[in-house]
N, C-alpha and C. Protein backbone atom coordinates (compact mmCIF):
# COMPACT_ATOMS: atom_id res chain seq x y z
N MET A 1 10.04 149.02 59.40
CA MET A 1 11.34 149.10 58.76
C MET A 1 12.45 149.29 59.78
N SER A 2 12.19 150.01 60.85
CA SER A 2 13.23 150.27 61.84
C SER A 2 13.65 148.98 62.57
N MET A 3 12.74 148.04 62.74
CA MET A 3 13.08 146.78 63.41
C MET A 3 14.07 145.99 62.56
N ILE A 4 13.91 145.98 61.25
CA ILE A 4 14.84 145.28 60.36
C ILE A 4 16.22 145.94 60.44
N LYS A 5 16.24 147.27 60.44
CA LYS A 5 17.51 147.99 60.53
C LYS A 5 18.19 147.69 61.87
N GLU A 6 17.41 147.69 62.94
CA GLU A 6 17.95 147.41 64.26
C GLU A 6 18.50 145.99 64.33
N PHE A 7 17.76 145.02 63.73
CA PHE A 7 18.24 143.64 63.72
C PHE A 7 19.53 143.53 62.92
N ARG A 8 19.62 144.20 61.78
CA ARG A 8 20.82 144.15 60.95
C ARG A 8 22.02 144.70 61.74
N GLU A 9 21.82 145.82 62.45
CA GLU A 9 22.89 146.38 63.26
C GLU A 9 23.33 145.40 64.34
N PHE A 10 22.35 144.74 64.97
CA PHE A 10 22.66 143.76 66.01
C PHE A 10 23.45 142.59 65.43
N ALA A 11 22.98 142.07 64.29
CA ALA A 11 23.60 140.89 63.69
C ALA A 11 25.01 141.18 63.18
N MET A 12 25.29 142.41 62.84
CA MET A 12 26.59 142.74 62.28
C MET A 12 27.58 143.25 63.32
N LYS A 13 27.18 143.30 64.58
CA LYS A 13 28.12 143.71 65.62
C LYS A 13 29.24 142.69 65.70
N GLY A 14 30.40 143.15 66.10
CA GLY A 14 31.57 142.27 66.18
C GLY A 14 31.35 141.10 67.11
N ASN A 15 30.69 141.30 68.23
CA ASN A 15 30.51 140.22 69.19
C ASN A 15 29.69 139.08 68.62
N VAL A 16 28.65 139.40 67.87
CA VAL A 16 27.79 138.36 67.29
C VAL A 16 28.57 137.56 66.25
N VAL A 17 29.32 138.24 65.41
CA VAL A 17 30.11 137.56 64.39
C VAL A 17 31.19 136.70 65.05
N ASP A 18 31.85 137.25 66.07
CA ASP A 18 32.87 136.47 66.79
C ASP A 18 32.26 135.23 67.43
N LEU A 19 31.08 135.38 68.00
CA LEU A 19 30.39 134.24 68.62
C LEU A 19 30.07 133.18 67.58
N ALA A 20 29.59 133.60 66.41
CA ALA A 20 29.27 132.64 65.35
C ALA A 20 30.53 131.88 64.91
N VAL A 21 31.62 132.60 64.74
CA VAL A 21 32.87 131.95 64.34
C VAL A 21 33.31 130.97 65.43
N GLY A 22 33.18 131.38 66.69
CA GLY A 22 33.55 130.50 67.80
C GLY A 22 32.73 129.23 67.83
N ILE A 23 31.44 129.36 67.57
CA ILE A 23 30.57 128.18 67.57
C ILE A 23 30.95 127.23 66.44
N ILE A 24 31.20 127.77 65.26
CA ILE A 24 31.56 126.93 64.11
C ILE A 24 32.88 126.21 64.38
N ILE A 25 33.86 126.93 64.91
CA ILE A 25 35.15 126.30 65.23
C ILE A 25 34.96 125.27 66.34
N GLY A 26 34.10 125.59 67.32
CA GLY A 26 33.84 124.65 68.41
C GLY A 26 33.23 123.35 67.92
N ILE A 27 32.31 123.45 66.97
CA ILE A 27 31.69 122.24 66.40
C ILE A 27 32.74 121.39 65.70
N ALA A 28 33.58 122.05 64.91
CA ALA A 28 34.64 121.31 64.20
C ALA A 28 35.61 120.70 65.20
N PHE A 29 35.95 121.44 66.25
CA PHE A 29 36.85 120.93 67.28
C PHE A 29 36.22 119.75 67.99
N GLY A 30 34.90 119.80 68.22
CA GLY A 30 34.20 118.69 68.86
C GLY A 30 34.32 117.41 68.03
N LYS A 31 34.24 117.54 66.72
CA LYS A 31 34.39 116.36 65.85
C LYS A 31 35.80 115.79 65.96
N ILE A 32 36.78 116.68 66.03
CA ILE A 32 38.16 116.22 66.16
C ILE A 32 38.34 115.47 67.48
N VAL A 33 37.80 116.04 68.55
CA VAL A 33 37.94 115.40 69.86
C VAL A 33 37.20 114.07 69.89
N SER A 34 36.02 114.01 69.29
CA SER A 34 35.29 112.75 69.24
C SER A 34 36.08 111.69 68.50
N SER A 35 36.70 112.07 67.40
CA SER A 35 37.53 111.12 66.66
C SER A 35 38.74 110.71 67.50
N LEU A 36 39.34 111.67 68.20
CA LEU A 36 40.47 111.35 69.07
C LEU A 36 40.07 110.33 70.12
N VAL A 37 38.93 110.54 70.75
CA VAL A 37 38.47 109.63 71.79
C VAL A 37 38.12 108.27 71.20
N ASN A 38 37.28 108.26 70.17
CA ASN A 38 36.78 107.00 69.62
C ASN A 38 37.84 106.21 68.86
N ASP A 39 38.74 106.90 68.15
CA ASP A 39 39.67 106.21 67.26
C ASP A 39 41.08 106.06 67.82
N VAL A 40 41.45 106.90 68.80
CA VAL A 40 42.82 106.87 69.30
C VAL A 40 42.89 106.45 70.78
N ILE A 41 42.05 107.03 71.61
CA ILE A 41 42.15 106.78 73.05
C ILE A 41 41.41 105.52 73.47
N MET A 42 40.19 105.34 73.00
CA MET A 42 39.38 104.21 73.47
C MET A 42 39.91 102.84 73.04
N PRO A 43 40.44 102.65 71.82
CA PRO A 43 40.95 101.32 71.47
C PRO A 43 42.04 100.80 72.42
N PRO A 44 43.05 101.62 72.78
CA PRO A 44 44.03 101.09 73.74
C PRO A 44 43.42 100.81 75.11
N ILE A 45 42.49 101.66 75.55
CA ILE A 45 41.84 101.42 76.84
C ILE A 45 41.05 100.12 76.77
N GLY A 46 40.34 99.92 75.66
CA GLY A 46 39.60 98.67 75.48
C GLY A 46 40.53 97.47 75.45
N LEU A 47 41.70 97.63 74.83
CA LEU A 47 42.67 96.54 74.76
C LEU A 47 43.19 96.21 76.16
N VAL A 48 43.50 97.23 76.93
CA VAL A 48 43.99 97.02 78.30
C VAL A 48 42.92 96.34 79.15
N LEU A 49 41.66 96.71 78.91
CA LEU A 49 40.56 96.14 79.68
C LEU A 49 40.03 94.84 79.07
N GLY A 50 40.81 94.22 78.19
CA GLY A 50 40.44 92.92 77.64
C GLY A 50 39.51 93.01 76.45
N GLY A 51 39.74 93.97 75.56
CA GLY A 51 38.94 94.07 74.35
C GLY A 51 37.60 94.74 74.56
N LEU A 52 37.44 95.42 75.65
CA LEU A 52 36.17 96.07 75.97
C LEU A 52 36.00 97.31 75.10
N ASP A 53 34.85 97.41 74.43
CA ASP A 53 34.52 98.58 73.62
C ASP A 53 33.36 99.28 74.31
N PHE A 54 33.61 100.45 74.86
CA PHE A 54 32.58 101.15 75.62
C PHE A 54 31.34 101.46 74.79
N SER A 55 31.54 101.75 73.50
CA SER A 55 30.40 102.16 72.68
C SER A 55 29.38 101.03 72.51
N ASN A 56 29.79 99.79 72.72
CA ASN A 56 28.87 98.66 72.58
C ASN A 56 28.24 98.24 73.90
N LEU A 57 28.61 98.91 74.99
CA LEU A 57 28.03 98.56 76.28
C LEU A 57 26.60 99.06 76.36
N MET A 58 25.67 98.16 76.68
CA MET A 58 24.28 98.55 76.80
C MET A 58 23.51 97.51 77.58
N VAL A 59 22.37 97.91 78.08
CA VAL A 59 21.45 97.01 78.74
C VAL A 59 20.17 97.00 77.92
N THR A 60 19.77 95.84 77.43
CA THR A 60 18.56 95.74 76.62
C THR A 60 17.36 95.64 77.54
N LEU A 61 16.47 96.61 77.42
CA LEU A 61 15.26 96.63 78.24
C LEU A 61 14.14 95.81 77.59
N LYS A 62 14.11 95.86 76.26
CA LYS A 62 13.09 95.12 75.53
C LYS A 62 13.72 94.66 74.22
N ALA A 63 13.68 93.37 73.98
CA ALA A 63 14.29 92.82 72.77
C ALA A 63 13.50 93.26 71.54
N ALA A 64 14.19 93.26 70.41
CA ALA A 64 13.53 93.61 69.15
C ALA A 64 12.52 92.53 68.80
N SER A 65 11.39 93.00 68.30
CA SER A 65 10.37 92.02 67.87
C SER A 65 9.72 92.52 66.59
N GLY A 66 9.84 91.73 65.55
CA GLY A 66 9.25 92.09 64.28
C GLY A 66 9.89 93.35 63.72
N THR A 67 9.07 94.39 63.51
CA THR A 67 9.58 95.64 62.95
C THR A 67 10.00 96.64 64.03
N GLU A 68 9.71 96.30 65.29
CA GLU A 68 10.09 97.20 66.39
C GLU A 68 11.53 96.98 66.78
N PRO A 69 12.32 98.07 66.86
CA PRO A 69 13.72 97.91 67.28
C PRO A 69 13.80 97.64 68.78
N ALA A 70 14.94 97.16 69.20
CA ALA A 70 15.15 96.89 70.62
C ALA A 70 15.21 98.21 71.39
N VAL A 71 14.78 98.15 72.63
CA VAL A 71 14.88 99.30 73.53
C VAL A 71 16.02 99.01 74.48
N SER A 72 17.03 99.90 74.46
CA SER A 72 18.21 99.63 75.30
C SER A 72 18.77 100.91 75.88
N LEU A 73 19.40 100.74 77.03
CA LEU A 73 20.15 101.83 77.66
C LEU A 73 21.60 101.70 77.19
N ARG A 74 22.06 102.67 76.44
CA ARG A 74 23.41 102.61 75.87
C ARG A 74 24.37 103.39 76.76
N TYR A 75 24.69 102.84 77.91
CA TYR A 75 25.54 103.55 78.85
C TYR A 75 26.98 103.62 78.36
N GLY A 76 27.38 102.76 77.45
CA GLY A 76 28.72 102.83 76.87
C GLY A 76 28.91 104.11 76.06
N MET A 77 27.89 104.50 75.32
CA MET A 77 27.95 105.75 74.58
C MET A 77 28.04 106.93 75.55
N PHE A 78 27.34 106.81 76.68
CA PHE A 78 27.42 107.86 77.70
C PHE A 78 28.84 107.97 78.24
N ILE A 79 29.49 106.84 78.47
CA ILE A 79 30.88 106.85 78.95
C ILE A 79 31.77 107.55 77.92
N ASN A 80 31.59 107.23 76.64
CA ASN A 80 32.36 107.89 75.59
C ASN A 80 32.12 109.40 75.60
N THR A 81 30.87 109.81 75.77
CA THR A 81 30.54 111.23 75.79
C THR A 81 31.18 111.93 76.98
N VAL A 82 31.18 111.27 78.13
CA VAL A 82 31.83 111.85 79.32
C VAL A 82 33.33 112.01 79.07
N ILE A 83 33.95 111.01 78.47
CA ILE A 83 35.38 111.09 78.16
C ILE A 83 35.62 112.23 77.17
N ASP A 84 34.76 112.36 76.15
CA ASP A 84 34.85 113.49 75.21
C ASP A 84 34.84 114.80 75.97
N PHE A 85 33.88 114.94 76.88
CA PHE A 85 33.74 116.19 77.63
C PHE A 85 34.99 116.47 78.45
N ILE A 86 35.50 115.46 79.12
CA ILE A 86 36.68 115.66 79.97
C ILE A 86 37.87 116.12 79.13
N ILE A 87 38.04 115.51 77.96
CA ILE A 87 39.16 115.90 77.10
C ILE A 87 38.97 117.32 76.59
N VAL A 88 37.76 117.66 76.13
CA VAL A 88 37.49 119.01 75.64
C VAL A 88 37.71 120.02 76.76
N ALA A 89 37.19 119.73 77.95
CA ALA A 89 37.35 120.65 79.08
C ALA A 89 38.82 120.84 79.42
N PHE A 90 39.60 119.76 79.37
CA PHE A 90 41.02 119.85 79.69
C PHE A 90 41.77 120.68 78.64
N VAL A 91 41.46 120.45 77.38
CA VAL A 91 42.11 121.21 76.30
C VAL A 91 41.76 122.69 76.42
N ILE A 92 40.49 122.99 76.68
CA ILE A 92 40.08 124.40 76.84
C ILE A 92 40.79 125.00 78.05
N PHE A 93 40.90 124.24 79.13
CA PHE A 93 41.63 124.71 80.30
C PHE A 93 43.07 125.07 79.93
N LEU A 94 43.74 124.19 79.15
CA LEU A 94 45.12 124.46 78.75
C LEU A 94 45.22 125.71 77.88
N VAL A 95 44.26 125.87 76.97
CA VAL A 95 44.26 127.05 76.09
C VAL A 95 44.08 128.32 76.92
N VAL A 96 43.10 128.32 77.82
CA VAL A 96 42.85 129.50 78.65
C VAL A 96 44.04 129.78 79.56
N LYS A 97 44.63 128.72 80.10
CA LYS A 97 45.81 128.90 80.96
C LYS A 97 46.96 129.52 80.18
N GLY A 98 47.15 129.06 78.95
CA GLY A 98 48.20 129.63 78.10
C GLY A 98 47.93 131.08 77.76
N MET A 99 46.68 131.39 77.45
CA MET A 99 46.33 132.78 77.13
C MET A 99 46.53 133.67 78.34
N ASN A 100 46.16 133.19 79.53
CA ASN A 100 46.35 133.98 80.74
C ASN A 100 47.84 134.20 81.03
N ALA A 101 48.66 133.19 80.77
CA ALA A 101 50.11 133.33 80.98
C ALA A 101 50.67 134.39 80.04
N LEU A 102 50.24 134.37 78.78
CA LEU A 102 50.70 135.39 77.84
C LEU A 102 50.24 136.78 78.26
N LYS A 103 49.02 136.85 78.74
CA LYS A 103 48.47 138.14 79.18
C LYS A 103 49.27 138.66 80.38
N ARG A 104 49.61 137.77 81.31
CA ARG A 104 50.40 138.17 82.47
C ARG A 104 51.78 138.66 82.06
N LYS A 105 52.39 138.00 81.07
CA LYS A 105 53.71 138.42 80.60
C LYS A 105 53.64 139.82 80.00
N GLN A 106 52.58 140.09 79.26
CA GLN A 106 52.42 141.41 78.66
C GLN A 106 52.21 142.46 79.74
N GLU A 107 51.46 142.11 80.79
CA GLU A 107 51.21 143.05 81.87
C GLU A 107 52.47 143.31 82.69
N GLU A 108 53.36 142.30 82.78
CA GLU A 108 54.57 142.43 83.57
C GLU A 108 55.62 143.31 82.90
N LYS A 109 55.55 143.46 81.57
CA LYS A 109 56.52 144.30 80.89
C LYS A 109 56.42 145.72 81.41
N PRO A 110 57.54 146.29 81.80
CA PRO A 110 57.46 147.66 82.30
C PRO A 110 57.09 148.61 81.17
N ALA A 111 56.21 149.50 81.50
CA ALA A 111 55.79 150.48 80.51
C ALA A 111 56.92 151.47 80.28
N ALA A 112 57.05 151.91 79.06
CA ALA A 112 58.07 152.90 78.74
C ALA A 112 57.75 154.19 79.49
N PRO A 113 58.77 154.81 80.03
CA PRO A 113 58.49 156.05 80.77
C PRO A 113 57.88 157.08 79.82
N PRO A 114 56.93 157.84 80.31
CA PRO A 114 56.30 158.83 79.43
C PRO A 114 57.30 159.92 79.05
N GLU A 115 57.12 160.41 77.86
CA GLU A 115 58.01 161.48 77.41
C GLU A 115 57.74 162.73 78.24
N PRO A 116 58.81 163.46 78.56
CA PRO A 116 58.59 164.69 79.32
C PRO A 116 57.82 165.70 78.46
N PRO A 117 57.12 166.59 79.12
CA PRO A 117 56.37 167.61 78.36
C PRO A 117 57.33 168.45 77.52
N ARG A 118 56.81 168.99 76.48
CA ARG A 118 57.61 169.79 75.54
C ARG A 118 58.34 170.93 76.26
N GLN A 119 57.71 171.51 77.25
CA GLN A 119 58.33 172.62 77.99
C GLN A 119 59.62 172.15 78.66
N GLU A 120 59.57 170.98 79.27
CA GLU A 120 60.77 170.47 79.95
C GLU A 120 61.88 170.16 78.96
N VAL A 121 61.51 169.64 77.80
CA VAL A 121 62.51 169.35 76.77
C VAL A 121 63.20 170.64 76.34
N LEU A 122 62.40 171.68 76.10
CA LEU A 122 62.97 172.96 75.69
C LEU A 122 63.86 173.55 76.79
N LEU A 123 63.38 173.47 78.03
CA LEU A 123 64.18 173.98 79.14
C LEU A 123 65.49 173.21 79.27
N SER A 124 65.46 171.91 79.06
CA SER A 124 66.68 171.10 79.13
C SER A 124 67.65 171.51 78.03
N GLU A 125 67.12 171.75 76.85
CA GLU A 125 67.98 172.18 75.74
C GLU A 125 68.61 173.54 76.04
N ILE A 126 67.82 174.47 76.59
CA ILE A 126 68.35 175.79 76.94
C ILE A 126 69.44 175.64 78.00
N ARG A 127 69.20 174.81 79.01
CA ARG A 127 70.17 174.58 80.07
C ARG A 127 71.47 174.04 79.49
N ASP A 128 71.36 173.05 78.59
CA ASP A 128 72.53 172.46 77.98
C ASP A 128 73.32 173.49 77.15
N LEU A 129 72.61 174.35 76.44
CA LEU A 129 73.28 175.40 75.65
C LEU A 129 73.99 176.39 76.57
N LEU A 130 73.34 176.74 77.67
CA LEU A 130 73.97 177.67 78.62
C LEU A 130 75.21 177.04 79.25
N LYS A 131 75.20 175.76 79.52
CA LYS A 131 76.36 175.08 80.10
C LYS A 131 77.52 175.10 79.11
N LYS A 132 77.22 174.94 77.83
CA LYS A 132 78.28 174.94 76.82
C LYS A 132 78.93 176.33 76.72
N ARG A 133 78.15 177.39 76.89
CA ARG A 133 78.66 178.75 76.81
C ARG A 133 79.58 179.10 77.97
N ALA A 134 79.24 178.55 79.12
CA ALA A 134 80.00 178.96 80.30
C ALA A 134 81.36 178.32 80.41
């Protein structure tokens, strides 16, 4: 029974939940980037390169015969995946750079001077009252 309790405590820690949320958002972000690459970036590149579609680039090692599918090296899909990675890495770099800049700005703000101890405040008040009397 203690192992189940220990596992529950582990699974409910903030870091594990944060990691799970990060992975889910990362997967969704990956789909967005893949769509950006395949549907927005690659068509103009293909147009500039004379209608070249990277996803269709392949070398057939063995032609299809009967019910057996063709065996091919799909290096065009690899090129698309590399472009996906470069875009994701660049976007993550920009996000981290932005977060670091915000963090630096917060660190640069001068801290408010600490309040003087209560004794000093009282002594200052007494001094001020004595000055008014004199």
